[in-house]
Amino acid sequence: LVYIGLRDIDHGELEIIHQLNILHYTMEDIQKMGIQTVMSQVINYLSPGPGRPLHLSFDIDSLDPNVAPSTGTTVPGGLSYDQGLHICKTVAQTGVLGGMDLVEVNPSL
């Protein structure tokens, strides 16, 4: 489990992330390191391969509201379109993407 693009995290959420030792990257991390470096580290950490497929759960609200306004939890400073696309392409290029969810989408907004 890895979280990418976190922002607006409350104290309780961060405490759980630390207690469970979940690898996570904030938007500040992505801005400092670049999405390419982050994804390289993520793929290395997850070590996907035959018999070890990946599942991508992509929260649309991880994108900046200027890119994806159709969600109920808009928070400025999210991923750009290109960063979100890079995440998806990088996971797909492993060849072991077993499934993907696109969640938090509300087209009526």
C-alpha atoms as a PDB file:
ATOM      1  CA  LEU A   1       0.000   0.000   0.000  1.00  0.00           C
ATOM      2  CA  VAL A   2       1.312   3.409  -1.018  1.00  0.00           C
ATOM      3  CA  TYR A   3      -0.397   6.803  -0.910  1.00  0.00           C
ATOM      4  CA  ILE A   4       0.635   9.330  -3.563  1.00  0.00           C
ATOM      5  CA  GLY A   5      -0.300  13.015  -3.607  1.00  0.00           C
ATOM      6  CA  LEU A   6      -1.560  13.490  -0.072  1.00  0.00           C
ATOM      7  CA  ARG A   7      -2.611  16.931   1.090  1.00  0.00           C
ATOM      8  CA  ASP A   8      -4.996  18.253   3.707  1.00  0.00           C
ATOM      9  CA  ILE A   9      -4.269  15.320   6.046  1.00  0.00           C
ATOM     10  CA  ASP A  10      -5.646  15.552   9.555  1.00  0.00           C
ATOM     11  CA  HIS A  11      -3.608  14.527  12.594  1.00  0.00           C
ATOM     12  CA  GLY A  12      -5.496  11.261  13.143  1.00  0.00           C
ATOM     13  CA  GLU A  13      -4.989  10.124   9.545  1.00  0.00           C
ATOM     14  CA  LEU A  14      -1.280  10.899   9.683  1.00  0.00           C
ATOM     15  CA  GLU A  15      -0.971   9.047  12.975  1.00  0.00           C
ATOM     16  CA  ILE A  16      -2.493   5.903  11.425  1.00  0.00           C
ATOM     17  CA  ILE A  17      -0.215   6.193   8.378  1.00  0.00           C
ATOM     18  CA  HIS A  18       2.805   6.320  10.686  1.00  0.00           C
ATOM     19  CA  GLN A  19       1.558   3.546  13.002  1.00  0.00           C
ATOM     20  CA  LEU A  20       1.009   1.211  10.050  1.00  0.00           C
ATOM     21  CA  ASN A  21       4.263   2.305   8.413  1.00  0.00           C
ATOM     22  CA  ILE A  22       2.494   3.113   5.129  1.00  0.00           C
ATOM     23  CA  LEU A  23       4.740   4.559   2.454  1.00  0.00           C
ATOM     24  CA  HIS A  24       3.278   7.900   1.446  1.00  0.00           C
ATOM     25  CA  TYR A  25       4.152  10.927  -0.637  1.00  0.00           C
ATOM     26  CA  THR A  26       2.615  14.337  -0.075  1.00  0.00           C
ATOM     27  CA  MET A  27       2.164  16.926  -2.787  1.00  0.00           C
ATOM     28  CA  GLU A  28       5.140  18.706  -1.252  1.00  0.00           C
ATOM     29  CA  ASP A  29       7.218  15.532  -1.743  1.00  0.00           C
ATOM     30  CA  ILE A  30       6.113  15.334  -5.372  1.00  0.00           C
ATOM     31  CA  GLN A  31       6.970  18.980  -5.966  1.00  0.00           C
ATOM     32  CA  LYS A  32      10.446  18.525  -4.457  1.00  0.00           C
ATOM     33  CA  MET A  33      11.287  15.111  -5.960  1.00  0.00           C
ATOM     34  CA  GLY A  34       9.280  15.062  -9.185  1.00  0.00           C
ATOM     35  CA  ILE A  35       6.631  12.514 -10.084  1.00  0.00           C
ATOM     36  CA  GLN A  36       9.131  10.391 -12.050  1.00  0.00           C
ATOM     37  CA  THR A  37      11.326   9.871  -8.980  1.00  0.00           C
ATOM     38  CA  VAL A  38       8.321   9.216  -6.759  1.00  0.00           C
ATOM     39  CA  MET A  39       6.944   6.583  -9.122  1.00  0.00           C
ATOM     40  CA  SER A  40      10.338   4.940  -9.518  1.00  0.00           C
ATOM     41  CA  GLN A  41      10.546   4.600  -5.736  1.00  0.00           C
ATOM     42  CA  VAL A  42       6.953   3.356  -5.535  1.00  0.00           C
ATOM     43  CA  ILE A  43       7.473   0.622  -8.139  1.00  0.00           C
ATOM     44  CA  ASN A  44      10.746  -0.411  -6.511  1.00  0.00           C
ATOM     45  CA  TYR A  45       9.045  -0.583  -3.102  1.00  0.00           C
ATOM     46  CA  LEU A  46       6.062  -2.592  -4.333  1.00  0.00           C
ATOM     47  CA  SER A  47       8.214  -5.022  -6.356  1.00  0.00           C
ATOM     48  CA  PRO A  48       5.448  -6.065  -8.761  1.00  0.00           C
ATOM     49  CA  GLY A  49       5.895  -9.062 -11.011  1.00  0.00           C
ATOM     50  CA  PRO A  50       4.388 -12.360 -12.087  1.00  0.00           C
ATOM     51  CA  GLY A  51       2.230 -13.641  -9.251  1.00  0.00           C
ATOM     52  CA  ARG A  52       2.366 -10.210  -7.618  1.00  0.00           C
ATOM     53  CA  PRO A  53      -0.085  -7.991  -9.529  1.00  0.00           C
ATOM     54  CA  LEU A  54      -0.849  -4.378  -8.734  1.00  0.00           C
ATOM     55  CA  HIS A  55      -4.214  -2.778  -8.059  1.00  0.00           C
ATOM     56  CA  LEU A  56      -4.541   0.964  -8.600  1.00  0.00           C
ATOM     57  CA  SER A  57      -7.209   2.849  -6.702  1.00  0.00           C
ATOM     58  CA  PHE A  58      -7.188   6.349  -8.162  1.00  0.00           C
ATOM     59  CA  ASP A  59      -9.124   8.970  -6.227  1.00  0.00           C
ATOM     60  CA  ILE A  60     -10.196  11.668  -8.654  1.00  0.00           C
ATOM     61  CA  ASP A  61      -9.923  14.180  -5.819  1.00  0.00           C
ATOM     62  CA  SER A  62      -6.156  13.637  -5.824  1.00  0.00           C
ATOM     63  CA  LEU A  63      -6.155  15.801  -8.941  1.00  0.00           C
ATOM     64  CA  ASP A  64      -6.270  19.552  -8.594  1.00  0.00           C
ATOM     65  CA  PRO A  65      -9.848  20.906  -8.793  1.00  0.00           C
ATOM     66  CA  ASN A  66      -8.866  22.887 -11.911  1.00  0.00           C
ATOM     67  CA  VAL A  67      -8.284  19.529 -13.635  1.00  0.00           C
ATOM     68  CA  ALA A  68     -11.089  17.469 -12.073  1.00  0.00           C
ATOM     69  CA  PRO A  69     -13.853  19.558 -10.499  1.00  0.00           C
ATOM     70  CA  SER A  70     -16.357  16.666 -10.458  1.00  0.00           C
ATOM     71  CA  THR A  71     -15.761  15.514  -6.912  1.00  0.00           C
ATOM     72  CA  GLY A  72     -17.293  16.424  -3.588  1.00  0.00           C
ATOM     73  CA  THR A  73     -13.964  17.010  -1.831  1.00  0.00           C
ATOM     74  CA  THR A  74     -12.062  19.602  -3.838  1.00  0.00           C
ATOM     75  CA  VAL A  75      -8.776  20.731  -2.297  1.00  0.00           C
ATOM     76  CA  PRO A  76      -6.440  23.061  -4.210  1.00  0.00           C
ATOM     77  CA  GLY A  77      -2.863  22.025  -4.838  1.00  0.00           C
ATOM     78  CA  GLY A  78      -3.491  18.531  -6.167  1.00  0.00           C
ATOM     79  CA  LEU A  79      -1.862  16.542  -8.921  1.00  0.00           C
ATOM     80  CA  SER A  80      -1.734  18.001 -12.407  1.00  0.00           C
ATOM     81  CA  TYR A  81      -3.261  16.144 -15.340  1.00  0.00           C
ATOM     82  CA  ASP A  82       0.234  15.096 -16.477  1.00  0.00           C
ATOM     83  CA  GLN A  83       1.195  13.849 -13.010  1.00  0.00           C
ATOM     84  CA  GLY A  84      -1.988  11.778 -12.735  1.00  0.00           C
ATOM     85  CA  LEU A  85      -1.438  10.362 -16.209  1.00  0.00           C
ATOM     86  CA  HIS A  86       2.178   9.516 -15.348  1.00  0.00           C
ATOM     87  CA  ILE A  87       1.042   7.541 -12.299  1.00  0.00           C
ATOM     88  CA  CYS A  88      -1.426   5.529 -14.376  1.00  0.00           C
ATOM     89  CA  LYS A  89       1.032   4.913 -17.221  1.00  0.00           C
ATOM     90  CA  THR A  90       3.819   3.870 -14.860  1.00  0.00           C
ATOM     91  CA  VAL A  91       1.600   1.332 -13.124  1.00  0.00           C
ATOM     92  CA  ALA A  92       0.285   0.020 -16.462  1.00  0.00           C
ATOM     93  CA  GLN A  93       3.814  -0.318 -17.855  1.00  0.00           C
ATOM     94  CA  THR A  94       4.695  -2.818 -15.131  1.00  0.00           C
ATOM     95  CA  GLY A  95       2.638  -5.316 -17.121  1.00  0.00           C
ATOM     96  CA  VAL A  96       1.000  -6.627 -13.960  1.00  0.00           C
ATOM     97  CA  LEU A  97      -1.853  -4.187 -13.422  1.00  0.00           C
ATOM     98  CA  GLY A  98      -4.620  -6.514 -12.287  1.00  0.00           C
ATOM     99  CA  GLY A  99      -7.330  -3.901 -11.748  1.00  0.00           C
ATOM    100  CA  MET A 100      -8.095  -0.254 -11.235  1.00  0.00           C
ATOM    101  CA  ASP A 101     -10.776   1.755  -9.456  1.00  0.00           C
ATOM    102  CA  LEU A 102     -11.522   5.363 -10.308  1.00  0.00           C
ATOM    103  CA  VAL A 103     -13.275   6.690  -7.230  1.00  0.00           C
ATOM    104  CA  GLU A 104     -14.701   9.881  -5.739  1.00  0.00           C
ATOM    105  CA  VAL A 105     -16.127  10.876  -9.141  1.00  0.00           C
ATOM    106  CA  ASN A 106     -19.367  12.829  -9.108  1.00  0.00           C
ATOM    107  CA  PRO A 107     -20.196  14.025 -12.643  1.00  0.00           C
ATOM    108  CA  SER A 108     -23.263  15.904 -11.414  1.00  0.00           C
ATOM    109  CA  LEU A 109     -21.037  18.482  -9.689  1.00  0.00           C
END
